[in-house]
Amino acid sequence: MPRIDERAGFIYDSPEQGERLGALAKTHRFSHAGVLYENPEFESLALKLGRDLLQLVRDVLAELPEDGTALIVSQDGVMMAAEHELHGKPYEPLTESFAPLGGYILDENLHLHELNF
């Protein structure tokens, strides 16, 4: 049964923060992900988004039956934040992001595998 978990999306500290990030993302080549990693005012948000998505993945994996599968759909900014958190990457401007309809597969051992359609 599908369910919605907010940890897969953006949870802003305030409506104003969401509006500011959204406005900046409209003109950034990496959209929300790029803005998160080029503006220090969003550093704590990036860290929180990454940690939340990884915890969601861990929670889903813990609930899956043996040989079970799950699909978590998110946005590039949240996914990049989770990848940075998972690999301990520093907070610095991005040089790449995901292609449209792209992303990664995160297996039960938390290993990333690129996924592009």
N, C-alpha and C. Protein backbone atom coordinates (compact mmCIF):
# COMPACT_ATOMS: atom_id res chain seq x y z
N MET A 1 0.84 -1.18 0.00
CA MET A 1 0.00 0.00 0.00
C MET A 1 0.89 1.25 0.00
N PRO A 2 0.73 2.13 -0.96
CA PRO A 2 1.54 3.35 -0.99
C PRO A 2 1.30 4.22 0.24
N ARG A 3 2.34 4.91 0.65
CA ARG A 3 2.19 5.88 1.74
C ARG A 3 3.11 7.06 1.46
N ILE A 4 2.75 8.18 1.99
CA ILE A 4 3.54 9.40 1.81
C ILE A 4 4.30 9.68 3.09
N ASP A 5 5.59 9.89 2.96
CA ASP A 5 6.42 10.24 4.11
C ASP A 5 7.14 11.54 3.76
N GLU A 6 6.92 12.55 4.55
CA GLU A 6 7.48 13.87 4.26
C GLU A 6 9.00 13.90 4.24
N ARG A 7 9.65 12.91 4.82
CA ARG A 7 11.12 12.90 4.83
C ARG A 7 11.71 12.72 3.44
N ALA A 8 10.90 12.36 2.46
CA ALA A 8 11.39 12.23 1.08
C ALA A 8 11.34 13.56 0.35
N GLY A 9 10.81 14.58 0.96
CA GLY A 9 10.68 15.88 0.30
C GLY A 9 11.31 17.00 1.10
N PHE A 10 11.07 18.20 0.64
CA PHE A 10 11.60 19.38 1.32
C PHE A 10 10.71 19.75 2.50
N ILE A 11 11.30 19.87 3.67
CA ILE A 11 10.62 20.37 4.85
C ILE A 11 11.40 21.61 5.29
N TYR A 12 10.85 22.76 5.01
CA TYR A 12 11.54 24.02 5.27
C TYR A 12 11.38 24.46 6.72
N ASP A 13 12.34 25.26 7.17
CA ASP A 13 12.27 25.82 8.51
C ASP A 13 11.17 26.87 8.61
N SER A 14 10.84 27.50 7.48
CA SER A 14 9.80 28.52 7.45
C SER A 14 9.28 28.65 6.02
N PRO A 15 8.08 29.19 5.85
CA PRO A 15 7.57 29.42 4.50
C PRO A 15 8.49 30.37 3.70
N GLU A 16 9.06 31.33 4.38
CA GLU A 16 9.95 32.28 3.71
C GLU A 16 11.20 31.58 3.16
N GLN A 17 11.72 30.63 3.92
CA GLN A 17 12.88 29.88 3.46
C GLN A 17 12.54 29.11 2.19
N GLY A 18 11.38 28.49 2.17
CA GLY A 18 10.93 27.75 0.99
C GLY A 18 10.75 28.67 -0.21
N GLU A 19 10.17 29.84 0.01
CA GLU A 19 9.98 30.79 -1.09
C GLU A 19 11.31 31.28 -1.63
N ARG A 20 12.26 31.58 -0.73
CA ARG A 20 13.57 32.07 -1.17
C ARG A 20 14.31 30.99 -1.97
N LEU A 21 14.34 29.78 -1.45
CA LEU A 21 15.04 28.70 -2.15
C LEU A 21 14.37 28.43 -3.50
N GLY A 22 13.05 28.41 -3.53
CA GLY A 22 12.33 28.18 -4.77
C GLY A 22 12.59 29.24 -5.81
N ALA A 23 12.65 30.50 -5.39
CA ALA A 23 12.92 31.59 -6.32
C ALA A 23 14.33 31.48 -6.90
N LEU A 24 15.30 31.18 -6.05
CA LEU A 24 16.69 31.03 -6.52
C LEU A 24 16.84 29.81 -7.43
N ALA A 25 16.09 28.75 -7.14
CA ALA A 25 16.19 27.51 -7.92
C ALA A 25 15.72 27.69 -9.36
N LYS A 26 14.83 28.64 -9.60
CA LYS A 26 14.30 28.86 -10.94
C LYS A 26 15.38 29.23 -11.95
N THR A 27 16.46 29.84 -11.48
CA THR A 27 17.51 30.29 -12.40
C THR A 27 18.82 29.52 -12.23
N HIS A 28 18.86 28.56 -11.35
CA HIS A 28 20.10 27.81 -11.13
C HIS A 28 20.13 26.58 -12.03
N ARG A 29 21.29 26.29 -12.62
CA ARG A 29 21.38 25.15 -13.54
C ARG A 29 21.13 23.81 -12.86
N PHE A 30 21.34 23.72 -11.55
CA PHE A 30 21.06 22.50 -10.80
C PHE A 30 19.83 22.64 -9.91
N SER A 31 19.01 23.63 -10.19
CA SER A 31 17.74 23.84 -9.49
C SER A 31 17.95 23.87 -7.96
N HIS A 32 17.07 23.21 -7.23
CA HIS A 32 17.11 23.25 -5.77
C HIS A 32 18.41 22.70 -5.20
N ALA A 33 18.91 21.63 -5.80
CA ALA A 33 20.15 21.02 -5.32
C ALA A 33 21.30 22.02 -5.38
N GLY A 34 21.41 22.73 -6.48
CA GLY A 34 22.48 23.71 -6.63
C GLY A 34 22.39 24.84 -5.62
N VAL A 35 21.18 25.32 -5.41
CA VAL A 35 20.98 26.41 -4.45
C VAL A 35 21.35 25.96 -3.04
N LEU A 36 20.95 24.75 -2.68
CA LEU A 36 21.27 24.22 -1.34
C LEU A 36 22.77 24.24 -1.07
N TYR A 37 23.55 23.94 -2.09
CA TYR A 37 25.00 23.79 -1.89
C TYR A 37 25.82 25.00 -2.31
N GLU A 38 25.19 26.09 -2.70
CA GLU A 38 25.94 27.30 -3.03
C GLU A 38 25.62 28.46 -2.10
N ASN A 39 24.65 28.29 -1.25
CA ASN A 39 24.24 29.36 -0.34
C ASN A 39 24.34 28.87 1.09
N PRO A 40 25.35 29.35 1.82
CA PRO A 40 25.55 28.88 3.20
C PRO A 40 24.32 29.00 4.09
N GLU A 41 23.40 29.90 3.75
CA GLU A 41 22.19 30.02 4.57
C GLU A 41 21.36 28.73 4.53
N PHE A 42 21.60 27.87 3.54
CA PHE A 42 20.85 26.62 3.42
C PHE A 42 21.65 25.39 3.87
N GLU A 43 22.83 25.59 4.42
CA GLU A 43 23.67 24.45 4.80
C GLU A 43 22.97 23.56 5.83
N SER A 44 22.39 24.14 6.87
CA SER A 44 21.75 23.31 7.89
C SER A 44 20.53 22.59 7.31
N LEU A 45 19.83 23.21 6.35
CA LEU A 45 18.71 22.56 5.70
C LEU A 45 19.19 21.36 4.89
N ALA A 46 20.29 21.52 4.15
CA ALA A 46 20.84 20.42 3.36
C ALA A 46 21.20 19.24 4.26
N LEU A 47 21.84 19.53 5.38
CA LEU A 47 22.22 18.46 6.30
C LEU A 47 20.99 17.74 6.84
N LYS A 48 19.96 18.49 7.20
CA LYS A 48 18.74 17.89 7.73
C LYS A 48 18.04 17.05 6.67
N LEU A 49 17.94 17.56 5.46
CA LEU A 49 17.27 16.81 4.38
C LEU A 49 17.99 15.49 4.12
N GLY A 50 19.32 15.53 4.08
CA GLY A 50 20.09 14.32 3.84
C GLY A 50 19.91 13.29 4.94
N ARG A 51 19.96 13.75 6.17
CA ARG A 51 19.79 12.83 7.30
C ARG A 51 18.38 12.24 7.34
N ASP A 52 17.38 13.08 7.06
CA ASP A 52 16.00 12.61 7.08
C ASP A 52 15.74 11.55 6.01
N LEU A 53 16.24 11.78 4.79
CA LEU A 53 16.02 10.80 3.73
C LEU A 53 16.74 9.49 4.03
N LEU A 54 17.96 9.58 4.54
CA LEU A 54 18.66 8.34 4.89
C LEU A 54 17.96 7.58 6.01
N GLN A 55 17.40 8.30 6.98
CA GLN A 55 16.67 7.62 8.04
C GLN A 55 15.40 6.98 7.49
N LEU A 56 14.75 7.64 6.55
CA LEU A 56 13.59 7.04 5.90
C LEU A 56 13.97 5.74 5.20
N VAL A 57 15.09 5.76 4.48
CA VAL A 57 15.56 4.55 3.79
C VAL A 57 15.82 3.44 4.81
N ARG A 58 16.49 3.77 5.89
CA ARG A 58 16.77 2.76 6.92
C ARG A 58 15.48 2.20 7.51
N ASP A 59 14.51 3.07 7.76
CA ASP A 59 13.24 2.63 8.32
C ASP A 59 12.50 1.71 7.35
N VAL A 60 12.49 2.07 6.07
CA VAL A 60 11.82 1.24 5.07
C VAL A 60 12.53 -0.11 4.95
N LEU A 61 13.85 -0.11 4.92
CA LEU A 61 14.59 -1.37 4.82
C LEU A 61 14.30 -2.27 6.02
N ALA A 62 14.16 -1.68 7.19
CA ALA A 62 13.89 -2.47 8.40
C ALA A 62 12.51 -3.13 8.35
N GLU A 63 11.57 -2.52 7.62
CA GLU A 63 10.20 -3.05 7.54
C GLU A 63 10.00 -4.05 6.40
N LEU A 64 10.93 -4.08 5.45
CA LEU A 64 10.74 -4.94 4.28
C LEU A 64 10.88 -6.41 4.62
N PRO A 65 10.02 -7.23 4.05
CA PRO A 65 10.21 -8.67 4.21
C PRO A 65 11.41 -9.11 3.37
N GLU A 66 11.92 -10.29 3.64
CA GLU A 66 13.03 -10.82 2.85
C GLU A 66 12.62 -10.84 1.38
N ASP A 67 13.52 -10.42 0.51
CA ASP A 67 13.27 -10.30 -0.92
C ASP A 67 12.21 -9.25 -1.26
N GLY A 68 11.89 -8.38 -0.32
CA GLY A 68 10.93 -7.31 -0.58
C GLY A 68 11.59 -6.16 -1.33
N THR A 69 10.79 -5.31 -1.90
CA THR A 69 11.28 -4.13 -2.60
C THR A 69 10.46 -2.92 -2.18
N ALA A 70 11.05 -1.75 -2.39
CA ALA A 70 10.36 -0.51 -2.07
C ALA A 70 10.83 0.55 -3.06
N LEU A 71 10.02 1.55 -3.26
CA LEU A 71 10.35 2.68 -4.12
C LEU A 71 10.13 3.94 -3.31
N ILE A 72 11.17 4.75 -3.20
CA ILE A 72 11.07 6.05 -2.54
C ILE A 72 11.34 7.09 -3.61
N VAL A 73 10.39 7.96 -3.80
CA VAL A 73 10.52 9.02 -4.81
C VAL A 73 10.83 10.32 -4.08
N SER A 74 11.82 11.04 -4.58
CA SER A 74 12.23 12.28 -3.94
C SER A 74 12.63 13.29 -5.01
N GLN A 75 13.24 14.37 -4.58
CA GLN A 75 13.69 15.43 -5.48
C GLN A 75 15.21 15.50 -5.47
N ASP A 76 15.76 16.11 -6.52
CA ASP A 76 17.22 16.14 -6.66
C ASP A 76 17.92 16.76 -5.45
N GLY A 77 17.38 17.83 -4.90
CA GLY A 77 18.03 18.46 -3.76
C GLY A 77 18.10 17.56 -2.55
N VAL A 78 17.04 16.84 -2.29
CA VAL A 78 16.99 15.92 -1.14
C VAL A 78 17.91 14.73 -1.40
N MET A 79 17.89 14.22 -2.63
CA MET A 79 18.73 13.07 -2.98
C MET A 79 20.21 13.42 -2.93
N MET A 80 20.57 14.62 -3.41
CA MET A 80 21.98 15.03 -3.35
C MET A 80 22.40 15.20 -1.89
N ALA A 81 21.50 15.74 -1.07
CA ALA A 81 21.82 15.91 0.35
C ALA A 81 22.05 14.55 1.02
N ALA A 82 21.22 13.56 0.67
CA ALA A 82 21.39 12.22 1.23
C ALA A 82 22.70 11.59 0.76
N GLU A 83 23.02 11.79 -0.52
CA GLU A 83 24.28 11.25 -1.04
C GLU A 83 25.46 11.89 -0.33
N HIS A 84 25.42 13.20 -0.12
CA HIS A 84 26.50 13.88 0.60
C HIS A 84 26.63 13.34 2.03
N GLU A 85 25.50 13.16 2.70
CA GLU A 85 25.51 12.65 4.07
C GLU A 85 26.06 11.23 4.11
N LEU A 86 25.61 10.39 3.19
CA LEU A 86 26.02 8.99 3.15
C LEU A 86 27.53 8.85 2.95
N HIS A 87 28.09 9.67 2.08
CA HIS A 87 29.52 9.57 1.75
C HIS A 87 30.40 10.56 2.50
N GLY A 88 29.82 11.36 3.37
CA GLY A 88 30.60 12.34 4.13
C GLY A 88 31.23 13.40 3.25
N LYS A 89 30.55 13.75 2.16
CA LYS A 89 31.07 14.77 1.25
C LYS A 89 30.98 16.14 1.91
N PRO A 90 31.92 17.02 1.63
CA PRO A 90 31.88 18.35 2.24
C PRO A 90 30.76 19.20 1.65
N TYR A 91 30.38 20.21 2.41
CA TYR A 91 29.39 21.18 1.94
C TYR A 91 30.12 22.15 1.03
N GLU A 92 29.90 22.04 -0.27
CA GLU A 92 30.52 22.91 -1.26
C GLU A 92 29.67 22.89 -2.52
N PRO A 93 29.85 23.88 -3.41
CA PRO A 93 29.04 23.93 -4.62
C PRO A 93 29.11 22.62 -5.42
N LEU A 94 27.98 22.26 -6.00
CA LEU A 94 27.90 21.03 -6.78
C LEU A 94 28.54 21.20 -8.16
N THR A 95 29.12 20.14 -8.66
CA THR A 95 29.63 20.13 -10.03
C THR A 95 28.74 19.28 -10.93
N GLU A 96 27.80 18.55 -10.32
CA GLU A 96 26.85 17.74 -11.08
C GLU A 96 25.63 17.47 -10.22
N SER A 97 24.55 17.07 -10.87
CA SER A 97 23.34 16.66 -10.18
C SER A 97 22.71 15.57 -11.02
N PHE A 98 21.51 15.17 -10.68
CA PHE A 98 20.84 14.09 -11.38
C PHE A 98 20.18 14.60 -12.64
N ALA A 99 20.15 13.76 -13.66
CA ALA A 99 19.42 14.07 -14.89
C ALA A 99 17.93 14.00 -14.59
N PRO A 100 17.11 14.68 -15.40
CA PRO A 100 15.66 14.54 -15.20
C PRO A 100 15.26 13.07 -15.23
N LEU A 101 14.41 12.70 -14.32
CA LEU A 101 13.95 11.32 -14.14
C LEU A 101 15.11 10.36 -13.82
N GLY A 102 16.16 10.88 -13.28
CA GLY A 102 17.30 10.06 -12.87
C GLY A 102 17.36 9.98 -11.36
N GLY A 103 18.34 9.27 -10.90
CA GLY A 103 18.50 9.14 -9.47
C GLY A 103 19.44 8.00 -9.16
N TYR A 104 19.15 7.29 -8.09
CA TYR A 104 20.00 6.17 -7.73
C TYR A 104 19.19 5.10 -7.02
N ILE A 105 19.75 3.93 -7.05
CA ILE A 105 19.22 2.82 -6.28
C ILE A 105 20.12 2.71 -5.05
N LEU A 106 19.51 2.62 -3.91
CA LEU A 106 20.25 2.47 -2.66
C LEU A 106 19.90 1.09 -2.13
N ASP A 107 20.89 0.18 -2.14
CA ASP A 107 20.59 -1.20 -1.74
C ASP A 107 20.58 -1.37 -0.22
N GLU A 108 20.32 -2.58 0.21
CA GLU A 108 20.19 -2.86 1.64
C GLU A 108 21.47 -2.60 2.42
N ASN A 109 22.60 -2.51 1.72
CA ASN A 109 23.87 -2.20 2.37
C ASN A 109 24.22 -0.72 2.25
N LEU A 110 23.25 0.08 1.81
CA LEU A 110 23.40 1.53 1.60
C LEU A 110 24.49 1.85 0.58
N HIS A 111 24.59 1.02 -0.46
CA HIS A 111 25.48 1.29 -1.59
C HIS A 111 24.64 1.93 -2.69
N LEU A 112 25.20 3.00 -3.28
CA LEU A 112 24.49 3.71 -4.35
C LEU A 112 24.79 3.12 -5.71
N HIS A 113 23.76 3.04 -6.53
CA HIS A 113 23.88 2.59 -7.92
C HIS A 113 23.11 3.58 -8.77
N GLU A 114 23.75 4.17 -9.77
CA GLU A 114 23.10 5.19 -10.59
C GLU A 114 21.91 4.61 -11.36
N LEU A 115 20.88 5.42 -11.50
CA LEU A 115 19.66 5.02 -12.20
C LEU A 115 19.24 6.17 -13.10
N ASN A 116 19.19 5.92 -14.39
CA ASN A 116 18.73 6.93 -15.35
C ASN A 116 17.78 6.28 -16.32
N PHE A 117 16.75 7.01 -16.66
CA PHE A 117 15.75 6.51 -17.62
C PHE A 117 16.00 7.10 -18.98
